[in-house]
Structures are given as structure tokens and as C-alpha cells.
Amino acid sequence: MLEVGMKAPEFTLKNQDGEDISLSSFLGKKVVLYFYPKDNTPGCTKQACGFSERMGEYGEKNAIVLGISKDSVASHKRFAEKYELSFPILSDSELEVIQAYDVWKEKNMYGKKVMGVVRSTYIIDENGIIEQAFSNVKAAENPEKMLEAL
């Protein structure tokens, strides 16, 4: 995990509609930046839907939500449409941002060591500084906990 107080690494990635989204375009707002392993899996779906259902509450706190996984733009498009997600999910198939935010780690899956995204969330302040960092978050609880953290 990156340290609280650090400048959040800048990035530009494509969202589910193929549009470029840059972190710097949200200066002046808080950003809840969450990293998740895979579209259309039970935990990731609960997490995304939880954020989507609470977008009004995030807006009241002058915050936006961005999700990032290594899935393709096409996969994100299907995922966002299927669950009517109301926030950008970004494709990082090259793992550049995932690695810059230090969430690409060795994991133990069914007794095998594999590399993958550790479910993590950062809260970035209005000036682009990491305000809070959470690793190994629980998918279903994450959206509500991040509202509380704001």
C-alpha cells in the first residue's frame, strides 16, 4: 500500500465507455479509488453495486467513486450495463496503475501462489493527496465503510 500523505500517482485510463478518465480531472473533490480483482464475480459485484447504490450519498460528501481492475473495456461495459453501475470503472489491462498503487501482490488461491489484485481502497483528498488507505477490504462492507471514512 502507498502511504497516507503521499501524492496519489496520476493516471489516465479508459472507462467502460472507452473514454479517457484522469485522476487530475477530479481535483477539488474527494476520490474513493478502489481496486478489485474481476468483473462479474460475486464479491466484486456486491462491492460495485454497493458503491452504485450509494452514489447520492457520496455526492453529498463532494466525493466520486472510481473502480479499477485489469479487465478489458469490453468486460467493464458488460459488467456496468448488467448491474446498471452509476460510476466509472476503469480498465488497467497493462497493470500500470495497479502496480503504481501497490495492490498487485502474491495471493494464495486454493493452495497455489498466484499474482493478483488485492482488494484495496484509497481515499484521495481534494488536492490529490492520499488521505486514507485500506488493504484487504471486505467487498460487501467496503462501500458503507468508505462513506463512514469520508
N, C-alpha and C. Protein backbone atom coordinates (compact mmCIF):
# COMPACT_ATOMS: atom_id res chain seq x y z
N MET A 1 0.84 -1.19 0.00
CA MET A 1 0.00 0.00 0.00
C MET A 1 0.88 1.25 0.00
N LEU A 2 0.37 2.26 -0.65
CA LEU A 2 1.04 3.55 -0.61
C LEU A 2 0.75 4.20 0.74
N GLU A 3 1.60 5.14 1.12
CA GLU A 3 1.48 5.78 2.42
C GLU A 3 0.49 6.94 2.41
N VAL A 4 -0.22 7.09 3.53
CA VAL A 4 -1.07 8.27 3.74
C VAL A 4 -0.16 9.49 3.72
N GLY A 5 -0.61 10.56 3.08
CA GLY A 5 0.17 11.79 2.99
C GLY A 5 0.95 11.93 1.69
N MET A 6 1.08 10.82 0.95
CA MET A 6 1.77 10.84 -0.35
C MET A 6 0.87 11.46 -1.42
N LYS A 7 1.50 12.02 -2.45
CA LYS A 7 0.75 12.45 -3.63
C LYS A 7 0.27 11.17 -4.33
N ALA A 8 -1.00 11.13 -4.67
CA ALA A 8 -1.54 9.96 -5.37
C ALA A 8 -0.97 9.92 -6.79
N PRO A 9 -0.47 8.77 -7.23
CA PRO A 9 0.04 8.68 -8.61
C PRO A 9 -1.03 9.06 -9.64
N GLU A 10 -0.66 9.96 -10.55
CA GLU A 10 -1.57 10.40 -11.61
C GLU A 10 -1.76 9.25 -12.62
N PHE A 11 -2.93 9.21 -13.23
CA PHE A 11 -3.17 8.21 -14.28
C PHE A 11 -4.26 8.71 -15.21
N THR A 12 -4.28 8.12 -16.39
CA THR A 12 -5.38 8.25 -17.34
C THR A 12 -5.67 6.85 -17.86
N LEU A 13 -6.91 6.41 -17.67
CA LEU A 13 -7.34 5.08 -18.12
C LEU A 13 -8.69 5.22 -18.82
N LYS A 14 -9.03 4.20 -19.61
CA LYS A 14 -10.32 4.18 -20.31
C LYS A 14 -11.40 3.61 -19.38
N ASN A 15 -12.58 4.24 -19.42
CA ASN A 15 -13.71 3.73 -18.64
C ASN A 15 -14.50 2.71 -19.46
N GLN A 16 -15.63 2.29 -18.93
CA GLN A 16 -16.45 1.26 -19.60
C GLN A 16 -17.00 1.73 -20.95
N ASP A 17 -16.96 3.04 -21.20
CA ASP A 17 -17.44 3.57 -22.49
C ASP A 17 -16.29 3.92 -23.42
N GLY A 18 -15.06 3.57 -23.03
CA GLY A 18 -13.90 3.84 -23.87
C GLY A 18 -13.39 5.28 -23.78
N GLU A 19 -13.91 6.05 -22.82
CA GLU A 19 -13.49 7.44 -22.63
C GLU A 19 -12.30 7.51 -21.68
N ASP A 20 -11.38 8.43 -21.94
CA ASP A 20 -10.24 8.63 -21.05
C ASP A 20 -10.69 9.34 -19.77
N ILE A 21 -10.29 8.78 -18.63
CA ILE A 21 -10.57 9.37 -17.33
C ILE A 21 -9.23 9.58 -16.63
N SER A 22 -8.97 10.81 -16.19
CA SER A 22 -7.72 11.14 -15.49
C SER A 22 -8.02 11.48 -14.04
N LEU A 23 -7.18 11.03 -13.15
CA LEU A 23 -7.34 11.36 -11.73
C LEU A 23 -7.34 12.87 -11.53
N SER A 24 -6.45 13.57 -12.23
CA SER A 24 -6.31 15.02 -12.03
C SER A 24 -7.58 15.80 -12.39
N SER A 25 -8.47 15.22 -13.17
CA SER A 25 -9.69 15.93 -13.53
C SER A 25 -10.67 16.03 -12.35
N PHE A 26 -10.36 15.36 -11.24
CA PHE A 26 -11.23 15.38 -10.07
C PHE A 26 -10.67 16.21 -8.93
N LEU A 27 -9.63 17.01 -9.21
CA LEU A 27 -9.11 17.91 -8.16
C LEU A 27 -10.26 18.79 -7.68
N GLY A 28 -10.32 19.03 -6.37
CA GLY A 28 -11.43 19.78 -5.81
C GLY A 28 -12.52 18.88 -5.25
N LYS A 29 -12.43 17.58 -5.54
CA LYS A 29 -13.36 16.59 -4.99
C LYS A 29 -12.54 15.50 -4.29
N LYS A 30 -13.19 14.81 -3.38
CA LYS A 30 -12.55 13.62 -2.81
C LYS A 30 -12.79 12.47 -3.79
N VAL A 31 -11.81 11.59 -3.88
CA VAL A 31 -11.92 10.43 -4.78
C VAL A 31 -11.80 9.16 -3.95
N VAL A 32 -12.81 8.30 -4.04
CA VAL A 32 -12.73 6.97 -3.47
C VAL A 32 -12.29 6.07 -4.62
N LEU A 33 -11.02 5.65 -4.56
CA LEU A 33 -10.41 4.86 -5.63
C LEU A 33 -10.27 3.43 -5.14
N TYR A 34 -11.07 2.54 -5.74
CA TYR A 34 -10.98 1.15 -5.27
C TYR A 34 -10.51 0.22 -6.38
N PHE A 35 -9.72 -0.74 -5.96
CA PHE A 35 -9.15 -1.75 -6.87
C PHE A 35 -9.81 -3.08 -6.54
N TYR A 36 -10.25 -3.77 -7.59
CA TYR A 36 -10.93 -5.04 -7.38
C TYR A 36 -10.41 -6.07 -8.38
N PRO A 37 -10.51 -7.37 -8.03
CA PRO A 37 -9.91 -8.42 -8.87
C PRO A 37 -10.57 -8.67 -10.23
N LYS A 38 -11.93 -8.80 -10.29
CA LYS A 38 -12.50 -9.27 -11.54
C LYS A 38 -13.99 -8.93 -11.66
N ASP A 39 -14.37 -8.45 -12.85
CA ASP A 39 -15.79 -8.19 -13.14
C ASP A 39 -16.61 -9.47 -13.01
N ASN A 40 -17.87 -9.30 -12.62
CA ASN A 40 -18.86 -10.39 -12.62
C ASN A 40 -18.54 -11.55 -11.69
N THR A 41 -17.75 -11.31 -10.67
CA THR A 41 -17.55 -12.33 -9.63
C THR A 41 -18.41 -11.89 -8.44
N PRO A 42 -18.80 -12.83 -7.57
CA PRO A 42 -19.75 -12.48 -6.51
C PRO A 42 -19.31 -11.30 -5.63
N GLY A 43 -18.09 -11.32 -5.12
CA GLY A 43 -17.62 -10.25 -4.25
C GLY A 43 -17.52 -8.92 -4.97
N CYS A 44 -16.95 -8.94 -6.15
CA CYS A 44 -16.75 -7.71 -6.92
C CYS A 44 -18.09 -7.11 -7.34
N THR A 45 -19.07 -7.96 -7.61
CA THR A 45 -20.40 -7.48 -7.97
C THR A 45 -21.07 -6.82 -6.77
N LYS A 46 -20.99 -7.46 -5.59
CA LYS A 46 -21.56 -6.87 -4.37
C LYS A 46 -20.92 -5.51 -4.10
N GLN A 47 -19.60 -5.44 -4.25
CA GLN A 47 -18.88 -4.20 -3.98
C GLN A 47 -19.31 -3.10 -4.95
N ALA A 48 -19.31 -3.39 -6.24
CA ALA A 48 -19.68 -2.40 -7.26
C ALA A 48 -21.13 -1.94 -7.08
N CYS A 49 -22.03 -2.87 -6.85
CA CYS A 49 -23.44 -2.50 -6.67
C CYS A 49 -23.62 -1.67 -5.40
N GLY A 50 -22.86 -2.00 -4.36
CA GLY A 50 -22.92 -1.23 -3.12
C GLY A 50 -22.49 0.21 -3.34
N PHE A 51 -21.41 0.42 -4.10
CA PHE A 51 -20.99 1.78 -4.41
C PHE A 51 -22.05 2.48 -5.25
N SER A 52 -22.56 1.79 -6.27
CA SER A 52 -23.53 2.37 -7.19
C SER A 52 -24.80 2.82 -6.45
N GLU A 53 -25.28 2.00 -5.52
CA GLU A 53 -26.50 2.31 -4.76
C GLU A 53 -26.32 3.55 -3.88
N ARG A 54 -25.08 3.86 -3.52
CA ARG A 54 -24.81 4.95 -2.58
C ARG A 54 -24.25 6.21 -3.26
N MET A 55 -24.33 6.29 -4.58
CA MET A 55 -23.70 7.42 -5.28
C MET A 55 -24.26 8.78 -4.82
N GLY A 56 -25.53 8.85 -4.49
CA GLY A 56 -26.10 10.10 -3.99
C GLY A 56 -25.44 10.53 -2.69
N GLU A 57 -25.20 9.56 -1.80
CA GLU A 57 -24.55 9.87 -0.51
C GLU A 57 -23.11 10.32 -0.73
N TYR A 58 -22.42 9.69 -1.68
CA TYR A 58 -21.05 10.13 -1.99
C TYR A 58 -21.06 11.55 -2.54
N GLY A 59 -22.02 11.84 -3.40
CA GLY A 59 -22.13 13.18 -3.96
C GLY A 59 -22.35 14.23 -2.88
N GLU A 60 -23.16 13.89 -1.87
CA GLU A 60 -23.40 14.80 -0.75
C GLU A 60 -22.11 15.12 0.01
N LYS A 61 -21.15 14.22 -0.06
CA LYS A 61 -19.86 14.41 0.63
C LYS A 61 -18.79 14.96 -0.32
N ASN A 62 -19.22 15.47 -1.50
CA ASN A 62 -18.30 16.00 -2.51
C ASN A 62 -17.26 14.96 -2.91
N ALA A 63 -17.73 13.72 -3.06
CA ALA A 63 -16.82 12.62 -3.41
C ALA A 63 -17.34 11.90 -4.64
N ILE A 64 -16.38 11.36 -5.40
CA ILE A 64 -16.73 10.50 -6.53
C ILE A 64 -16.05 9.15 -6.29
N VAL A 65 -16.54 8.14 -6.98
CA VAL A 65 -16.00 6.78 -6.87
C VAL A 65 -15.44 6.37 -8.21
N LEU A 66 -14.26 5.78 -8.19
CA LEU A 66 -13.65 5.17 -9.38
C LEU A 66 -13.24 3.76 -9.02
N GLY A 67 -13.63 2.78 -9.85
CA GLY A 67 -13.19 1.40 -9.67
C GLY A 67 -12.17 1.05 -10.74
N ILE A 68 -11.17 0.25 -10.38
CA ILE A 68 -10.14 -0.18 -11.34
C ILE A 68 -9.91 -1.67 -11.20
N SER A 69 -9.88 -2.35 -12.35
CA SER A 69 -9.41 -3.74 -12.41
C SER A 69 -8.66 -3.92 -13.72
N LYS A 70 -8.08 -5.09 -13.88
CA LYS A 70 -7.31 -5.34 -15.11
C LYS A 70 -8.20 -5.85 -16.25
N ASP A 71 -9.50 -5.97 -16.00
CA ASP A 71 -10.41 -6.41 -17.05
C ASP A 71 -10.44 -5.41 -18.20
N SER A 72 -10.83 -5.87 -19.36
CA SER A 72 -10.87 -5.03 -20.57
C SER A 72 -12.03 -4.03 -20.51
N VAL A 73 -11.96 -3.03 -21.38
CA VAL A 73 -13.04 -2.06 -21.52
C VAL A 73 -14.34 -2.79 -21.87
N ALA A 74 -14.27 -3.77 -22.77
CA ALA A 74 -15.47 -4.52 -23.18
C ALA A 74 -16.07 -5.28 -22.00
N SER A 75 -15.24 -5.88 -21.17
CA SER A 75 -15.72 -6.59 -19.99
C SER A 75 -16.39 -5.60 -19.03
N HIS A 76 -15.75 -4.45 -18.84
CA HIS A 76 -16.33 -3.41 -17.97
C HIS A 76 -17.68 -2.94 -18.49
N LYS A 77 -17.78 -2.80 -19.80
CA LYS A 77 -19.03 -2.34 -20.42
C LYS A 77 -20.16 -3.32 -20.10
N ARG A 78 -19.89 -4.61 -20.29
CA ARG A 78 -20.91 -5.64 -20.00
C ARG A 78 -21.28 -5.62 -18.50
N PHE A 79 -20.28 -5.52 -17.65
CA PHE A 79 -20.47 -5.51 -16.20
C PHE A 79 -21.31 -4.29 -15.79
N ALA A 80 -20.93 -3.11 -16.27
CA ALA A 80 -21.63 -1.87 -15.91
C ALA A 80 -23.08 -1.89 -16.39
N GLU A 81 -23.31 -2.39 -17.60
CA GLU A 81 -24.66 -2.44 -18.14
C GLU A 81 -25.52 -3.46 -17.40
N LYS A 82 -24.94 -4.63 -17.12
CA LYS A 82 -25.68 -5.70 -16.45
C LYS A 82 -26.19 -5.25 -15.08
N TYR A 83 -25.35 -4.50 -14.35
CA TYR A 83 -25.71 -4.09 -12.99
C TYR A 83 -26.06 -2.61 -12.88
N GLU A 84 -26.19 -1.92 -14.03
CA GLU A 84 -26.56 -0.51 -14.08
C GLU A 84 -25.68 0.33 -13.14
N LEU A 85 -24.36 0.14 -13.26
CA LEU A 85 -23.43 0.88 -12.40
C LEU A 85 -23.43 2.36 -12.77
N SER A 86 -23.39 3.19 -11.76
CA SER A 86 -23.55 4.64 -11.97
C SER A 86 -22.25 5.42 -11.73
N PHE A 87 -21.12 4.76 -11.90
CA PHE A 87 -19.83 5.42 -11.72
C PHE A 87 -18.83 4.78 -12.68
N PRO A 88 -17.70 5.46 -12.95
CA PRO A 88 -16.72 4.91 -13.90
C PRO A 88 -15.95 3.71 -13.33
N ILE A 89 -15.86 2.67 -14.13
CA ILE A 89 -14.92 1.59 -13.83
C ILE A 89 -13.87 1.61 -14.95
N LEU A 90 -12.63 1.54 -14.52
CA LEU A 90 -11.51 1.80 -15.42
C LEU A 90 -10.72 0.54 -15.70
N SER A 91 -10.27 0.41 -16.94
CA SER A 91 -9.51 -0.76 -17.38
C SER A 91 -8.01 -0.48 -17.30
N ASP A 92 -7.31 -1.33 -16.55
CA ASP A 92 -5.85 -1.23 -16.44
C ASP A 92 -5.24 -2.58 -16.83
N SER A 93 -5.47 -2.97 -18.08
CA SER A 93 -5.00 -4.28 -18.54
C SER A 93 -3.48 -4.40 -18.55
N GLU A 94 -2.77 -3.28 -18.60
CA GLU A 94 -1.30 -3.29 -18.57
C GLU A 94 -0.75 -3.30 -17.14
N LEU A 95 -1.64 -3.20 -16.15
CA LEU A 95 -1.28 -3.22 -14.73
C LEU A 95 -0.43 -2.03 -14.27
N GLU A 96 -0.37 -0.97 -15.07
CA GLU A 96 0.48 0.16 -14.71
C GLU A 96 -0.02 0.87 -13.45
N VAL A 97 -1.31 1.17 -13.39
CA VAL A 97 -1.86 1.87 -12.24
C VAL A 97 -1.97 0.93 -11.05
N ILE A 98 -2.38 -0.30 -11.30
CA ILE A 98 -2.48 -1.31 -10.24
C ILE A 98 -1.13 -1.47 -9.54
N GLN A 99 -0.05 -1.50 -10.30
CA GLN A 99 1.28 -1.61 -9.70
C GLN A 99 1.71 -0.30 -9.06
N ALA A 100 1.39 0.84 -9.67
CA ALA A 100 1.76 2.14 -9.09
C ALA A 100 1.12 2.33 -7.72
N TYR A 101 -0.07 1.78 -7.52
CA TYR A 101 -0.76 1.89 -6.24
C TYR A 101 -0.46 0.70 -5.31
N ASP A 102 0.47 -0.17 -5.74
CA ASP A 102 0.98 -1.26 -4.91
C ASP A 102 -0.10 -2.23 -4.44
N VAL A 103 -1.00 -2.61 -5.36
CA VAL A 103 -2.05 -3.56 -5.00
C VAL A 103 -1.95 -4.87 -5.80
N TRP A 104 -0.87 -5.05 -6.57
CA TRP A 104 -0.60 -6.29 -7.32
C TRP A 104 0.32 -7.13 -6.45
N LYS A 105 -0.21 -8.19 -5.88
CA LYS A 105 0.53 -8.97 -4.88
C LYS A 105 0.39 -10.46 -5.13
N GLU A 106 1.27 -11.20 -4.48
CA GLU A 106 1.14 -12.66 -4.49
C GLU A 106 0.00 -13.03 -3.57
N LYS A 107 -0.88 -13.89 -4.08
CA LYS A 107 -2.04 -14.35 -3.30
C LYS A 107 -2.03 -15.88 -3.29
N ASN A 108 -2.73 -16.43 -2.33
CA ASN A 108 -2.86 -17.87 -2.22
C ASN A 108 -4.26 -18.26 -2.66
N MET A 109 -4.37 -18.92 -3.82
CA MET A 109 -5.67 -19.34 -4.33
C MET A 109 -5.73 -20.87 -4.37
N TYR A 110 -6.53 -21.42 -3.51
CA TYR A 110 -6.70 -22.88 -3.45
C TYR A 110 -5.36 -23.60 -3.33
N GLY A 111 -4.49 -23.05 -2.48
CA GLY A 111 -3.19 -23.68 -2.23
C GLY A 111 -2.11 -23.32 -3.22
N LYS A 112 -2.44 -22.57 -4.27
CA LYS A 112 -1.44 -22.16 -5.26
C LYS A 112 -1.09 -20.70 -5.06
N LYS A 113 0.16 -20.36 -5.30
CA LYS A 113 0.60 -18.96 -5.25
C LYS A 113 0.36 -18.35 -6.63
N VAL A 114 -0.41 -17.26 -6.67
CA VAL A 114 -0.69 -16.56 -7.92
C VAL A 114 -0.56 -15.06 -7.66
N MET A 115 -0.31 -14.31 -8.72
CA MET A 115 -0.29 -12.86 -8.62
C MET A 115 -1.68 -12.33 -8.94
N GLY A 116 -2.12 -11.32 -8.19
CA GLY A 116 -3.43 -10.76 -8.44
C GLY A 116 -3.64 -9.46 -7.69
N VAL A 117 -4.78 -8.85 -7.93
CA VAL A 117 -5.14 -7.59 -7.27
C VAL A 117 -5.65 -7.90 -5.87
N VAL A 118 -5.05 -7.24 -4.88
CA VAL A 118 -5.56 -7.31 -3.52
C VAL A 118 -6.63 -6.22 -3.41
N ARG A 119 -7.84 -6.62 -3.03
CA ARG A 119 -8.95 -5.67 -2.94
C ARG A 119 -8.57 -4.55 -1.96
N SER A 120 -8.41 -3.35 -2.48
CA SER A 120 -7.91 -2.21 -1.71
C SER A 120 -8.64 -0.94 -2.11
N THR A 121 -8.70 0.02 -1.17
CA THR A 121 -9.36 1.29 -1.44
C THR A 121 -8.53 2.44 -0.88
N TYR A 122 -8.41 3.48 -1.67
CA TYR A 122 -7.75 4.70 -1.24
C TYR A 122 -8.76 5.83 -1.24
N ILE A 123 -8.67 6.71 -0.25
CA ILE A 123 -9.40 7.97 -0.29
C ILE A 123 -8.38 9.05 -0.55
N ILE A 124 -8.61 9.77 -1.64
CA ILE A 124 -7.69 10.82 -2.09
C ILE A 124 -8.38 12.16 -1.86
N ASP A 125 -7.67 13.09 -1.24
CA ASP A 125 -8.30 14.38 -0.91
C ASP A 125 -8.42 15.30 -2.12
N GLU A 126 -8.98 16.47 -1.89
CA GLU A 126 -9.26 17.43 -2.96
C GLU A 126 -8.01 17.94 -3.66
N ASN A 127 -6.84 17.76 -3.04
CA ASN A 127 -5.57 18.22 -3.61
C ASN A 127 -4.74 17.08 -4.21
N GLY A 128 -5.33 15.88 -4.28
CA GLY A 128 -4.62 14.74 -4.88
C GLY A 128 -3.67 14.04 -3.93
N ILE A 129 -3.87 14.20 -2.62
CA ILE A 129 -3.03 13.55 -1.61
C ILE A 129 -3.80 12.36 -1.01
N ILE A 130 -3.10 11.25 -0.79
CA ILE A 130 -3.74 10.08 -0.18
C ILE A 130 -4.06 10.40 1.27
N GLU A 131 -5.36 10.37 1.58
CA GLU A 131 -5.85 10.72 2.91
C GLU A 131 -6.00 9.47 3.77
N GLN A 132 -6.46 8.36 3.15
CA GLN A 132 -6.63 7.10 3.87
C GLN A 132 -6.37 5.95 2.89
N ALA A 133 -5.89 4.83 3.45
CA ALA A 133 -5.58 3.65 2.63
C ALA A 133 -6.07 2.40 3.35
N PHE A 134 -6.76 1.54 2.63
CA PHE A 134 -7.34 0.33 3.20
C PHE A 134 -6.97 -0.86 2.33
N SER A 135 -6.36 -1.88 2.92
CA SER A 135 -5.97 -3.09 2.17
C SER A 135 -6.81 -4.27 2.62
N ASN A 136 -6.97 -5.26 1.74
CA ASN A 136 -7.74 -6.46 2.06
C ASN A 136 -9.13 -6.13 2.59
N VAL A 137 -9.81 -5.21 1.91
CA VAL A 137 -11.14 -4.80 2.36
C VAL A 137 -12.15 -5.91 2.06
N LYS A 138 -13.22 -5.94 2.83
CA LYS A 138 -14.31 -6.88 2.60
C LYS A 138 -15.26 -6.25 1.56
N ALA A 139 -15.50 -6.97 0.49
CA ALA A 139 -16.25 -6.44 -0.65
C ALA A 139 -17.61 -5.88 -0.26
N ALA A 140 -18.39 -6.63 0.49
CA ALA A 140 -19.76 -6.22 0.80
C ALA A 140 -19.80 -5.02 1.74
N GLU A 141 -18.81 -4.88 2.62
CA GLU A 141 -18.79 -3.80 3.61
C GLU A 141 -18.12 -2.53 3.09
N ASN A 142 -17.27 -2.65 2.08
CA ASN A 142 -16.43 -1.55 1.63
C ASN A 142 -17.19 -0.26 1.29
N PRO A 143 -18.28 -0.32 0.51
CA PRO A 143 -18.96 0.93 0.15
C PRO A 143 -19.46 1.72 1.37
N GLU A 144 -20.05 1.03 2.33
CA GLU A 144 -20.57 1.69 3.54
C GLU A 144 -19.42 2.22 4.41
N LYS A 145 -18.37 1.42 4.56
CA LYS A 145 -17.21 1.82 5.37
C LYS A 145 -16.53 3.06 4.79
N MET A 146 -16.47 3.16 3.46
CA MET A 146 -15.84 4.32 2.85
C MET A 146 -16.69 5.59 3.06
N LEU A 147 -18.00 5.44 3.07
CA LEU A 147 -18.87 6.58 3.38
C LEU A 147 -18.57 7.06 4.80
N GLU A 148 -18.47 6.12 5.74
CA GLU A 148 -18.15 6.46 7.12
C GLU A 148 -16.78 7.13 7.21
N ALA A 149 -15.81 6.64 6.45
CA ALA A 149 -14.45 7.18 6.49
C ALA A 149 -14.39 8.62 5.96
N LEU A 150 -15.30 8.95 5.04
CA LEU A 150 -15.33 10.30 4.49
C LEU A 150 -15.83 11.28 5.54
